[in-house]
Amino acid sequence: EAGQIRLSPPGESDVSAATWTRFSPAFLTLKPGETEQVIVDM
């Protein structure tokens, strides 16, 4: 009610879209100043 975010395991919620979703990569190592893209497919 105060607007604080609550996290729970994926797929537990009745309104979860986590099971529709795939992403890549699963791991990243970023050097100083480096930027990488994560692709999220729904």
PDB file of all heavy atoms in Angstrom:
ATOM      1  N   GLU A   1       0.812  -1.218   0.000  1.00  0.00           N
ATOM      2  CA  GLU A   1       0.000   0.000   0.000  1.00  0.00           C
ATOM      3  C   GLU A   1       0.844   1.266   0.000  1.00  0.00           C
ATOM      4  O   GLU A   1       0.390   2.316  -0.442  1.00  0.00           O
ATOM      5  CB  GLU A   1      -0.954   0.003   1.190  1.00  0.00           C
ATOM      6  CG  GLU A   1      -2.118  -0.952   1.036  1.00  0.00           C
ATOM      7  CD  GLU A   1      -3.200  -0.727   2.082  1.00  0.00           C
ATOM      8  OE1 GLU A   1      -3.170   0.330   2.749  1.00  0.00           O
ATOM      9  OE2 GLU A   1      -4.067  -1.602   2.231  1.00  0.00           O
ATOM     10  N   ALA A   2       2.074   1.165   0.494  1.00  0.00           N
ATOM     11  CA  ALA A   2       2.954   2.334   0.517  1.00  0.00           C
ATOM     12  C   ALA A   2       3.737   2.499  -0.782  1.00  0.00           C
ATOM     13  O   ALA A   2       4.507   3.440  -0.923  1.00  0.00           O
ATOM     14  CB  ALA A   2       3.918   2.231   1.696  1.00  0.00           C
ATOM     15  N   GLY A   3       3.556   1.564  -1.725  1.00  0.00           N
ATOM     16  CA  GLY A   3       4.248   1.659  -2.999  1.00  0.00           C
ATOM     17  C   GLY A   3       5.594   0.975  -3.033  1.00  0.00           C
ATOM     18  O   GLY A   3       6.343   1.133  -3.999  1.00  0.00           O
ATOM     19  N   GLN A   4       5.923   0.188  -1.994  1.00  0.00           N
ATOM     20  CA  GLN A   4       7.177  -0.550  -1.983  1.00  0.00           C
ATOM     21  C   GLN A   4       7.036  -1.852  -2.770  1.00  0.00           C
ATOM     22  O   GLN A   4       6.010  -2.534  -2.683  1.00  0.00           O
ATOM     23  CB  GLN A   4       7.603  -0.862  -0.544  1.00  0.00           C
ATOM     24  CG  GLN A   4       7.873   0.382   0.286  1.00  0.00           C
ATOM     25  CD  GLN A   4       8.984   1.238  -0.286  1.00  0.00           C
ATOM     26  OE1 GLN A   4      10.090   0.759  -0.531  1.00  0.00           O
ATOM     27  NE2 GLN A   4       8.698   2.521  -0.500  1.00  0.00           N
ATOM     28  N   ILE A   5       8.073  -2.199  -3.515  1.00  0.00           N
ATOM     29  CA  ILE A   5       8.010  -3.370  -4.389  1.00  0.00           C
ATOM     30  C   ILE A   5       8.238  -4.643  -3.588  1.00  0.00           C
ATOM     31  O   ILE A   5       9.133  -4.718  -2.743  1.00  0.00           O
ATOM     32  CB  ILE A   5       9.038  -3.248  -5.513  1.00  0.00           C
ATOM     33  CG1 ILE A   5       8.658  -2.081  -6.419  1.00  0.00           C
ATOM     34  CG2 ILE A   5       9.143  -4.535  -6.323  1.00  0.00           C
ATOM     35  CD1 ILE A   5       9.711  -1.697  -7.396  1.00  0.00           C
ATOM     36  N   ARG A   6       7.403  -5.647  -3.858  1.00  0.00           N
ATOM     37  CA  ARG A   6       7.547  -6.964  -3.250  1.00  0.00           C
ATOM     38  C   ARG A   6       7.795  -7.972  -4.360  1.00  0.00           C
ATOM     39  O   ARG A   6       7.030  -8.056  -5.320  1.00  0.00           O
ATOM     40  CB  ARG A   6       6.285  -7.331  -2.468  1.00  0.00           C
ATOM     41  CG  ARG A   6       5.966  -6.375  -1.336  1.00  0.00           C
ATOM     42  CD  ARG A   6       4.717  -6.770  -0.579  1.00  0.00           C
ATOM     43  NE  ARG A   6       3.523  -6.710  -1.401  1.00  0.00           N
ATOM     44  CZ  ARG A   6       2.283  -6.629  -0.908  1.00  0.00           C
ATOM     45  NH1 ARG A   6       2.096  -6.619   0.402  1.00  0.00           N
ATOM     46  NH2 ARG A   6       1.251  -6.583  -1.716  1.00  0.00           N
ATOM     47  N   LEU A   7       8.875  -8.745  -4.221  1.00  0.00           N
ATOM     48  CA  LEU A   7       9.224  -9.758  -5.200  1.00  0.00           C
ATOM     49  C   LEU A   7       8.829 -11.139  -4.695  1.00  0.00           C
ATOM     50  O   LEU A   7       8.828 -11.406  -3.499  1.00  0.00           O
ATOM     51  CB  LEU A   7      10.728  -9.741  -5.465  1.00  0.00           C
ATOM     52  CG  LEU A   7      11.308  -8.464  -6.085  1.00  0.00           C
ATOM     53  CD1 LEU A   7      12.820  -8.577  -6.187  1.00  0.00           C
ATOM     54  CD2 LEU A   7      10.696  -8.169  -7.442  1.00  0.00           C
ATOM     55  N   SER A   8       8.491 -12.005  -5.651  1.00  0.00           N
ATOM     56  CA  SER A   8       8.184 -13.395  -5.331  1.00  0.00           C
ATOM     57  C   SER A   8       8.688 -14.271  -6.481  1.00  0.00           C
ATOM     58  O   SER A   8       8.976 -13.770  -7.576  1.00  0.00           O
ATOM     59  CB  SER A   8       6.682 -13.592  -5.109  1.00  0.00           C
ATOM     60  OG  SER A   8       5.936 -13.174  -6.242  1.00  0.00           O
ATOM     61  N   PRO A   9       8.816 -15.593  -6.249  1.00  0.00           N
ATOM     62  CA  PRO A   9       9.333 -16.468  -7.315  1.00  0.00           C
ATOM     63  C   PRO A   9       8.484 -16.402  -8.578  1.00  0.00           C
ATOM     64  O   PRO A   9       7.262 -16.218  -8.519  1.00  0.00           O
ATOM     65  CB  PRO A   9       9.267 -17.858  -6.668  1.00  0.00           C
ATOM     66  CG  PRO A   9       9.375 -17.594  -5.208  1.00  0.00           C
ATOM     67  CD  PRO A   9       8.621 -16.315  -4.981  1.00  0.00           C
ATOM     68  N   PRO A  10       9.102 -16.552  -9.751  1.00  0.00           N
ATOM     69  CA  PRO A  10       8.370 -16.434 -11.017  1.00  0.00           C
ATOM     70  C   PRO A  10       7.311 -17.513 -11.158  1.00  0.00           C
ATOM     71  O   PRO A  10       7.548 -18.683 -10.843  1.00  0.00           O
ATOM     72  CB  PRO A  10       9.468 -16.585 -12.079  1.00  0.00           C
ATOM     73  CG  PRO A  10      10.575 -17.316 -11.379  1.00  0.00           C
ATOM     74  CD  PRO A  10      10.534 -16.863  -9.963  1.00  0.00           C
ATOM     75  N   GLY A  11       6.130 -17.100 -11.617  1.00  0.00           N
ATOM     76  CA  GLY A  11       5.039 -18.037 -11.864  1.00  0.00           C
ATOM     77  C   GLY A  11       4.114 -18.254 -10.696  1.00  0.00           C
ATOM     78  O   GLY A  11       3.092 -18.918 -10.843  1.00  0.00           O
ATOM     79  N   GLU A  12       4.398 -17.671  -9.543  1.00  0.00           N
ATOM     80  CA  GLU A  12       3.554 -17.878  -8.368  1.00  0.00           C
ATOM     81  C   GLU A  12       2.287 -17.029  -8.404  1.00  0.00           C
ATOM     82  O   GLU A  12       1.244 -17.432  -7.914  1.00  0.00           O
ATOM     83  CB  GLU A  12       4.323 -17.578  -7.076  1.00  0.00           C
ATOM     84  CG  GLU A  12       5.249 -18.681  -6.634  1.00  0.00           C
ATOM     85  CD  GLU A  12       5.713 -18.506  -5.202  1.00  0.00           C
ATOM     86  OE1 GLU A  12       5.393 -17.461  -4.583  1.00  0.00           O
ATOM     87  OE2 GLU A  12       6.374 -19.425  -4.693  1.00  0.00           O
ATOM     88  N   SER A  13       2.375 -15.843  -8.960  1.00  0.00           N
ATOM     89  CA  SER A  13       1.253 -14.913  -8.945  1.00  0.00           C
ATOM     90  C   SER A  13       0.217 -15.290  -9.990  1.00  0.00           C
ATOM     91  O   SER A  13       0.527 -15.835 -11.053  1.00  0.00           O
ATOM     92  CB  SER A  13       1.756 -13.492  -9.226  1.00  0.00           C
ATOM     93  OG  SER A  13       0.686 -12.612  -9.465  1.00  0.00           O
ATOM     94  N   ASP A  14      -1.063 -14.972  -9.687  1.00  0.00           N
ATOM     95  CA  ASP A  14      -2.143 -15.200 -10.642  1.00  0.00           C
ATOM     96  C   ASP A  14      -2.014 -14.308 -11.875  1.00  0.00           C
ATOM     97  O   ASP A  14      -2.615 -14.604 -12.907  1.00  0.00           O
ATOM     98  CB  ASP A  14      -3.501 -14.946  -9.976  1.00  0.00           C
ATOM     99  CG  ASP A  14      -3.830 -15.978  -8.913  1.00  0.00           C
ATOM    100  OD1 ASP A  14      -3.247 -17.076  -8.950  1.00  0.00           O
ATOM    101  OD2 ASP A  14      -4.675 -15.673  -8.045  1.00  0.00           O
ATOM    102  N   VAL A  15      -1.255 -13.232 -11.751  1.00  0.00           N
ATOM    103  CA  VAL A  15      -1.095 -12.315 -12.883  1.00  0.00           C
ATOM    104  C   VAL A  15       0.336 -12.374 -13.436  1.00  0.00           C
ATOM    105  O   VAL A  15       0.784 -11.449 -14.120  1.00  0.00           O
ATOM    106  CB  VAL A  15      -1.455 -10.867 -12.485  1.00  0.00           C
ATOM    107  CG1 VAL A  15      -2.912 -10.786 -12.072  1.00  0.00           C
ATOM    108  CG2 VAL A  15      -0.555 -10.350 -11.367  1.00  0.00           C
ATOM    109  N   SER A  16       1.031 -13.456 -13.181  1.00  0.00           N
ATOM    110  CA  SER A  16       2.412 -13.584 -13.649  1.00  0.00           C
ATOM    111  C   SER A  16       2.477 -13.798 -15.156  1.00  0.00           C
ATOM    112  O   SER A  16       1.721 -14.595 -15.725  1.00  0.00           O
ATOM    113  CB  SER A  16       3.090 -14.762 -12.948  1.00  0.00           C
ATOM    114  OG  SER A  16       4.396 -14.953 -13.459  1.00  0.00           O
ATOM    115  N   ALA A  17       3.395 -13.076 -15.794  1.00  0.00           N
ATOM    116  CA  ALA A  17       3.719 -13.312 -17.203  1.00  0.00           C
ATOM    117  C   ALA A  17       5.111 -13.914 -17.346  1.00  0.00           C
ATOM    118  O   ALA A  17       5.638 -13.991 -18.456  1.00  0.00           O
ATOM    119  CB  ALA A  17       3.629 -12.005 -17.990  1.00  0.00           C
ATOM    120  N   ALA A  18       5.693 -14.351 -16.232  1.00  0.00           N
ATOM    121  CA  ALA A  18       7.060 -14.893 -16.274  1.00  0.00           C
ATOM    122  C   ALA A  18       7.145 -16.153 -17.116  1.00  0.00           C
ATOM    123  O   ALA A  18       8.155 -16.393 -17.788  1.00  0.00           O
ATOM    124  CB  ALA A  18       7.553 -15.163 -14.851  1.00  0.00           C
ATOM    125  N   THR A  19       6.087 -16.970 -17.109  1.00  0.00           N
ATOM    126  CA  THR A  19       6.125 -18.219 -17.876  1.00  0.00           C
ATOM    127  C   THR A  19       6.014 -17.971 -19.377  1.00  0.00           C
ATOM    128  O   THR A  19       6.269 -18.876 -20.167  1.00  0.00           O
ATOM    129  CB  THR A  19       4.996 -19.155 -17.425  1.00  0.00           C
ATOM    130  OG1 THR A  19       3.736 -18.493 -17.559  1.00  0.00           O
ATOM    131  CG2 THR A  19       5.188 -19.571 -15.968  1.00  0.00           C
ATOM    132  N   TRP A  20       5.636 -16.755 -19.771  1.00  0.00           N
ATOM    133  CA  TRP A  20       5.571 -16.420 -21.197  1.00  0.00           C
ATOM    134  C   TRP A  20       6.914 -15.925 -21.717  1.00  0.00           C
ATOM    135  O   TRP A  20       7.050 -15.642 -22.913  1.00  0.00           O
ATOM    136  CB  TRP A  20       4.584 -15.292 -21.464  1.00  0.00           C
ATOM    137  CG  TRP A  20       3.251 -15.366 -20.814  1.00  0.00           C
ATOM    138  CD1 TRP A  20       2.704 -16.412 -20.101  1.00  0.00           C
ATOM    139  CD2 TRP A  20       2.267 -14.336 -20.816  1.00  0.00           C
ATOM    140  NE1 TRP A  20       1.460 -16.079 -19.663  1.00  0.00           N
ATOM    141  CE2 TRP A  20       1.162 -14.822 -20.085  1.00  0.00           C
ATOM    142  CE3 TRP A  20       2.213 -13.054 -21.371  1.00  0.00           C
ATOM    143  CZ2 TRP A  20       0.016 -14.067 -19.886  1.00  0.00           C
ATOM    144  CZ3 TRP A  20       1.075 -12.303 -21.174  1.00  0.00           C
ATOM    145  CH2 TRP A  20      -0.021 -12.797 -20.447  1.00  0.00           C
ATOM    146  N   THR A  21       7.878 -15.753 -20.844  1.00  0.00           N
ATOM    147  CA  THR A  21       9.027 -14.914 -21.129  1.00  0.00           C
ATOM    148  C   THR A  21      10.334 -15.698 -21.184  1.00  0.00           C
ATOM    149  O   THR A  21      10.582 -16.583 -20.358  1.00  0.00           O
ATOM    150  CB  THR A  21       9.136 -13.816 -20.047  1.00  0.00           C
ATOM    151  OG1 THR A  21       7.896 -13.098 -19.984  1.00  0.00           O
ATOM    152  CG2 THR A  21      10.249 -12.853 -20.356  1.00  0.00           C
ATOM    153  N   ARG A  22      11.160 -15.361 -22.160  1.00  0.00           N
ATOM    154  CA  ARG A  22      12.511 -15.883 -22.268  1.00  0.00           C
ATOM    155  C   ARG A  22      13.455 -14.696 -22.455  1.00  0.00           C
ATOM    156  O   ARG A  22      13.071 -13.660 -23.008  1.00  0.00           O
ATOM    157  CB  ARG A  22      12.646 -16.843 -23.453  1.00  0.00           C
ATOM    158  CG  ARG A  22      11.740 -18.068 -23.371  1.00  0.00           C
ATOM    159  CD  ARG A  22      12.142 -18.997 -22.252  1.00  0.00           C
ATOM    160  NE  ARG A  22      11.292 -20.181 -22.196  1.00  0.00           N
ATOM    161  CZ  ARG A  22      10.187 -20.281 -21.487  1.00  0.00           C
ATOM    162  NH1 ARG A  22       9.755 -19.225 -20.774  1.00  0.00           N
ATOM    163  NH2 ARG A  22       9.476 -21.385 -21.475  1.00  0.00           N
ATOM    164  N   PHE A  23      14.687 -14.834 -21.992  1.00  0.00           N
ATOM    165  CA  PHE A  23      15.650 -13.731 -22.117  1.00  0.00           C
ATOM    166  C   PHE A  23      17.045 -14.300 -22.349  1.00  0.00           C
ATOM    167  O   PHE A  23      17.320 -15.468 -22.049  1.00  0.00           O
ATOM    168  CB  PHE A  23      15.635 -12.852 -20.861  1.00  0.00           C
ATOM    169  CG  PHE A  23      16.064 -13.583 -19.615  1.00  0.00           C
ATOM    170  CD1 PHE A  23      17.389 -13.595 -19.224  1.00  0.00           C
ATOM    171  CD2 PHE A  23      15.135 -14.271 -18.842  1.00  0.00           C
ATOM    172  CE1 PHE A  23      17.795 -14.279 -18.094  1.00  0.00           C
ATOM    173  CE2 PHE A  23      15.531 -14.949 -17.705  1.00  0.00           C
ATOM    174  CZ  PHE A  23      16.864 -14.966 -17.334  1.00  0.00           C
ATOM    175  N   SER A  24      17.900 -13.467 -22.883  1.00  0.00           N
ATOM    176  CA  SER A  24      19.284 -13.869 -23.148  1.00  0.00           C
ATOM    177  C   SER A  24      20.158 -12.615 -23.182  1.00  0.00           C
ATOM    178  O   SER A  24      19.730 -11.580 -23.719  1.00  0.00           O
ATOM    179  CB  SER A  24      19.373 -14.602 -24.494  1.00  0.00           C
ATOM    180  OG  SER A  24      20.694 -14.990 -24.769  1.00  0.00           O
ATOM    181  N   PRO A  25      21.365 -12.682 -22.589  1.00  0.00           N
ATOM    182  CA  PRO A  25      22.000 -13.815 -21.914  1.00  0.00           C
ATOM    183  C   PRO A  25      21.543 -13.949 -20.469  1.00  0.00           C
ATOM    184  O   PRO A  25      20.850 -13.069 -19.948  1.00  0.00           O
ATOM    185  CB  PRO A  25      23.485 -13.439 -21.975  1.00  0.00           C
ATOM    186  CG  PRO A  25      23.482 -11.943 -21.904  1.00  0.00           C
ATOM    187  CD  PRO A  25      22.272 -11.511 -22.683  1.00  0.00           C
ATOM    188  N   ALA A  26      21.961 -15.043 -19.822  1.00  0.00           N
ATOM    189  CA  ALA A  26      21.620 -15.270 -18.416  1.00  0.00           C
ATOM    190  C   ALA A  26      22.710 -14.744 -17.484  1.00  0.00           C
ATOM    191  O   ALA A  26      22.456 -14.583 -16.287  1.00  0.00           O
ATOM    192  CB  ALA A  26      21.396 -16.758 -18.161  1.00  0.00           C
ATOM    193  N   PHE A  27      23.913 -14.507 -18.039  1.00  0.00           N
ATOM    194  CA  PHE A  27      25.038 -14.006 -17.239  1.00  0.00           C
ATOM    195  C   PHE A  27      25.740 -12.906 -18.011  1.00  0.00           C
ATOM    196  O   PHE A  27      25.855 -12.966 -19.242  1.00  0.00           O
ATOM    197  CB  PHE A  27      26.034 -15.122 -16.913  1.00  0.00           C
ATOM    198  CG  PHE A  27      25.430 -16.293 -16.191  1.00  0.00           C
ATOM    199  CD1 PHE A  27      24.999 -17.403 -16.908  1.00  0.00           C
ATOM    200  CD2 PHE A  27      25.273 -16.279 -14.825  1.00  0.00           C
ATOM    201  CE1 PHE A  27      24.429 -18.493 -16.264  1.00  0.00           C
ATOM    202  CE2 PHE A  27      24.702 -17.358 -14.163  1.00  0.00           C
ATOM    203  CZ  PHE A  27      24.279 -18.467 -14.874  1.00  0.00           C
ATOM    204  N   LEU A  28      26.228 -11.902 -17.283  1.00  0.00           N
ATOM    205  CA  LEU A  28      26.964 -10.799 -17.893  1.00  0.00           C
ATOM    206  C   LEU A  28      28.167 -10.442 -17.029  1.00  0.00           C
ATOM    207  O   LEU A  28      28.077 -10.438 -15.791  1.00  0.00           O
ATOM    208  CB  LEU A  28      26.077  -9.547 -18.004  1.00  0.00           C
ATOM    209  CG  LEU A  28      25.022  -9.488 -19.096  1.00  0.00           C
ATOM    210  CD1 LEU A  28      24.180  -8.227 -18.910  1.00  0.00           C
ATOM    211  CD2 LEU A  28      25.655  -9.498 -20.469  1.00  0.00           C
ATOM    212  N   THR A  29      29.276 -10.142 -17.673  1.00  0.00           N
ATOM    213  CA  THR A  29      30.411  -9.540 -16.998  1.00  0.00           C
ATOM    214  C   THR A  29      30.713  -8.231 -17.703  1.00  0.00           C
ATOM    215  O   THR A  29      30.991  -8.214 -18.906  1.00  0.00           O
ATOM    216  CB  THR A  29      31.643 -10.458 -17.018  1.00  0.00           C
ATOM    217  OG1 THR A  29      31.341 -11.663 -16.295  1.00  0.00           O
ATOM    218  CG2 THR A  29      32.832  -9.780 -16.370  1.00  0.00           C
ATOM    219  N   LEU A  30      30.605  -7.143 -16.948  1.00  0.00           N
ATOM    220  CA  LEU A  30      30.748  -5.813 -17.532  1.00  0.00           C
ATOM    221  C   LEU A  30      32.020  -5.154 -17.006  1.00  0.00           C
ATOM    222  O   LEU A  30      32.195  -4.987 -15.792  1.00  0.00           O
ATOM    223  CB  LEU A  30      29.539  -4.945 -17.179  1.00  0.00           C
ATOM    224  CG  LEU A  30      28.181  -5.437 -17.679  1.00  0.00           C
ATOM    225  CD1 LEU A  30      27.068  -4.530 -17.163  1.00  0.00           C
ATOM    226  CD2 LEU A  30      28.157  -5.496 -19.197  1.00  0.00           C
ATOM    227  N   LYS A  31      32.859  -4.755 -17.944  1.00  0.00           N
ATOM    228  CA  LYS A  31      34.046  -3.996 -17.577  1.00  0.00           C
ATOM    229  C   LYS A  31      33.635  -2.551 -17.259  1.00  0.00           C
ATOM    230  O   LYS A  31      32.522  -2.125 -17.574  1.00  0.00           O
ATOM    231  CB  LYS A  31      35.047  -4.028 -18.725  1.00  0.00           C
ATOM    232  CG  LYS A  31      35.575  -5.420 -19.038  1.00  0.00           C
ATOM    233  CD  LYS A  31      36.526  -5.392 -20.223  1.00  0.00           C
ATOM    234  CE  LYS A  31      37.042  -6.789 -20.542  1.00  0.00           C
ATOM    235  NZ  LYS A  31      37.950  -6.794 -21.717  1.00  0.00           N
ATOM    236  N   PRO A  32      34.502  -1.790 -16.629  1.00  0.00           N
ATOM    237  CA  PRO A  32      34.161  -0.394 -16.320  1.00  0.00           C
ATOM    238  C   PRO A  32      33.703   0.374 -17.559  1.00  0.00           C
ATOM    239  O   PRO A  32      34.360   0.349 -18.598  1.00  0.00           O
ATOM    240  CB  PRO A  32      35.475   0.164 -15.762  1.00  0.00           C
ATOM    241  CG  PRO A  32      36.162  -1.028 -15.181  1.00  0.00           C
ATOM    242  CD  PRO A  32      35.826  -2.171 -16.099  1.00  0.00           C
ATOM    243  N   GLY A  33      32.549   1.010 -17.448  1.00  0.00           N
ATOM    244  CA  GLY A  33      31.998   1.803 -18.548  1.00  0.00           C
ATOM    245  C   GLY A  33      31.330   1.006 -19.647  1.00  0.00           C
ATOM    246  O   GLY A  33      30.826   1.587 -20.619  1.00  0.00           O
ATOM    247  N   GLU A  34      31.273  -0.317 -19.525  1.00  0.00           N
ATOM    248  CA  GLU A  34      30.732  -1.158 -20.588  1.00  0.00           C
ATOM    249  C   GLU A  34      29.214  -1.301 -20.464  1.00  0.00           C
ATOM    250  O   GLU A  34      28.662  -1.362 -19.362  1.00  0.00           O
ATOM    251  CB  GLU A  34      31.383  -2.537 -20.540  1.00  0.00           C
ATOM    252  CG  GLU A  34      31.048  -3.432 -21.727  1.00  0.00           C
ATOM    253  CD  GLU A  34      31.819  -4.734 -21.708  1.00  0.00           C
ATOM    254  OE1 GLU A  34      32.388  -5.093 -20.651  1.00  0.00           O
ATOM    255  OE2 GLU A  34      31.859  -5.404 -22.757  1.00  0.00           O
ATOM    256  N   THR A  35      28.532  -1.400 -21.605  1.00  0.00           N
ATOM    257  CA  THR A  35      27.077  -1.600 -21.677  1.00  0.00           C
ATOM    258  C   THR A  35      26.775  -2.822 -22.524  1.00  0.00           C
ATOM    259  O   THR A  35      27.380  -3.015 -23.577  1.00  0.00           O
ATOM    260  CB  THR A  35      26.374  -0.376 -22.281  1.00  0.00           C
ATOM    261  OG1 THR A  35      26.613   0.765 -21.460  1.00  0.00           O
ATOM    262  CG2 THR A  35      24.864  -0.604 -22.374  1.00  0.00           C
ATOM    263  N   GLU A  36      25.849  -3.642 -22.064  1.00  0.00           N
ATOM    264  CA  GLU A  36      25.405  -4.812 -22.822  1.00  0.00           C
ATOM    265  C   GLU A  36      23.882  -4.808 -22.920  1.00  0.00           C
ATOM    266  O   GLU A  36      23.189  -4.208 -22.090  1.00  0.00           O
ATOM    267  CB  GLU A  36      25.863  -6.106 -22.150  1.00  0.00           C
ATOM    268  CG  GLU A  36      27.351  -6.349 -22.181  1.00  0.00           C
ATOM    269  CD  GLU A  36      27.851  -6.761 -23.561  1.00  0.00           C
ATOM    270  OE1 GLU A  36      27.015  -7.033 -24.446  1.00  0.00           O
ATOM    271  OE2 GLU A  36      29.087  -6.820 -23.734  1.00  0.00           O
ATOM    272  N   GLN A  37      23.378  -5.496 -23.941  1.00  0.00           N
ATOM    273  CA  GLN A  37      21.940  -5.606 -24.151  1.00  0.00           C
ATOM    274  C   GLN A  37      21.430  -6.979 -23.725  1.00  0.00           C
ATOM    275  O   GLN A  37      22.085  -7.998 -23.983  1.00  0.00           O
ATOM    276  CB  GLN A  37      21.588  -5.376 -25.618  1.00  0.00           C
ATOM    277  CG  GLN A  37      21.817  -3.953 -26.092  1.00  0.00           C
ATOM    278  CD  GLN A  37      21.341  -3.742 -27.518  1.00  0.00           C
ATOM    279  OE1 GLN A  37      21.244  -4.684 -28.305  1.00  0.00           O
ATOM    280  NE2 GLN A  37      21.035  -2.501 -27.862  1.00  0.00           N
ATOM    281  N   VAL A  38      20.279  -6.974 -23.077  1.00  0.00           N
ATOM    282  CA  VAL A  38      19.571  -8.207 -22.751  1.00  0.00           C
ATOM    283  C   VAL A  38      18.306  -8.230 -23.598  1.00  0.00           C
ATOM    284  O   VAL A  38      17.534  -7.265 -23.608  1.00  0.00           O
ATOM    285  CB  VAL A  38      19.217  -8.285 -21.254  1.00  0.00           C
ATOM    286  CG1 VAL A  38      18.434  -9.562 -20.950  1.00  0.00           C
ATOM    287  CG2 VAL A  38      20.472  -8.217 -20.406  1.00  0.00           C
ATOM    288  N   ILE A  39      18.108  -9.318 -24.334  1.00  0.00           N
ATOM    289  CA  ILE A  39      16.937  -9.464 -25.196  1.00  0.00           C
ATOM    290  C   ILE A  39      15.855 -10.211 -24.425  1.00  0.00           C
ATOM    291  O   ILE A  39      16.089 -11.323 -23.936  1.00  0.00           O
ATOM    292  CB  ILE A  39      17.280 -10.232 -26.490  1.00  0.00           C
ATOM    293  CG1 ILE A  39      18.468  -9.564 -27.200  1.00  0.00           C
ATOM    294  CG2 ILE A  39      16.066 -10.304 -27.405  1.00  0.00           C
ATOM    295  CD1 ILE A  39      18.219  -8.133 -27.603  1.00  0.00           C
ATOM    296  N   VAL A  40      14.692  -9.591 -24.316  1.00  0.00           N
ATOM    297  CA  VAL A  40      13.567 -10.189 -23.600  1.00  0.00           C
ATOM    298  C   VAL A  40      12.458 -10.473 -24.618  1.00  0.00           C
ATOM    299  O   VAL A  40      11.941  -9.553 -25.258  1.00  0.00           O
ATOM    300  CB  VAL A  40      13.041  -9.252 -22.496  1.00  0.00           C
ATOM    301  CG1 VAL A  40      11.911  -9.922 -21.719  1.00  0.00           C
ATOM    302  CG2 VAL A  40      14.167  -8.854 -21.546  1.00  0.00           C
ATOM    303  N   ASP A  41      12.119 -11.750 -24.785  1.00  0.00           N
ATOM    304  CA  ASP A  41      11.067 -12.170 -25.709  1.00  0.00           C
ATOM    305  C   ASP A  41       9.855 -12.643 -24.920  1.00  0.00           C
ATOM    306  O   ASP A  41       9.975 -13.467 -24.003  1.00  0.00           O
ATOM    307  CB  ASP A  41      11.555 -13.286 -26.620  1.00  0.00           C
ATOM    308  CG  ASP A  41      12.549 -12.802 -27.650  1.00  0.00           C
ATOM    309  OD1 ASP A  41      12.270 -11.761 -28.285  1.00  0.00           O
ATOM    310  OD2 ASP A  41      13.607 -13.439 -27.816  1.00  0.00           O
ATOM    311  N   MET A  42       8.670 -12.133 -25.297  1.00  0.00           N
ATOM    312  CA  MET A  42       7.414 -12.475 -24.629  1.00  0.00           C
ATOM    313  C   MET A  42       6.442 -13.060 -25.638  1.00  0.00           C
ATOM    314  O   MET A  42       6.213 -12.458 -26.687  1.00  0.00           O
ATOM    315  CB  MET A  42       6.813 -11.223 -23.977  1.00  0.00           C
ATOM    316  CG  MET A  42       7.674 -10.625 -22.870  1.00  0.00           C
ATOM    317  SD  MET A  42       7.448  -8.828 -22.696  1.00  0.00           S
ATOM    318  CE  MET A  42       8.503  -8.231 -24.043  1.00  0.00           C
TER     319      MET A  42
END
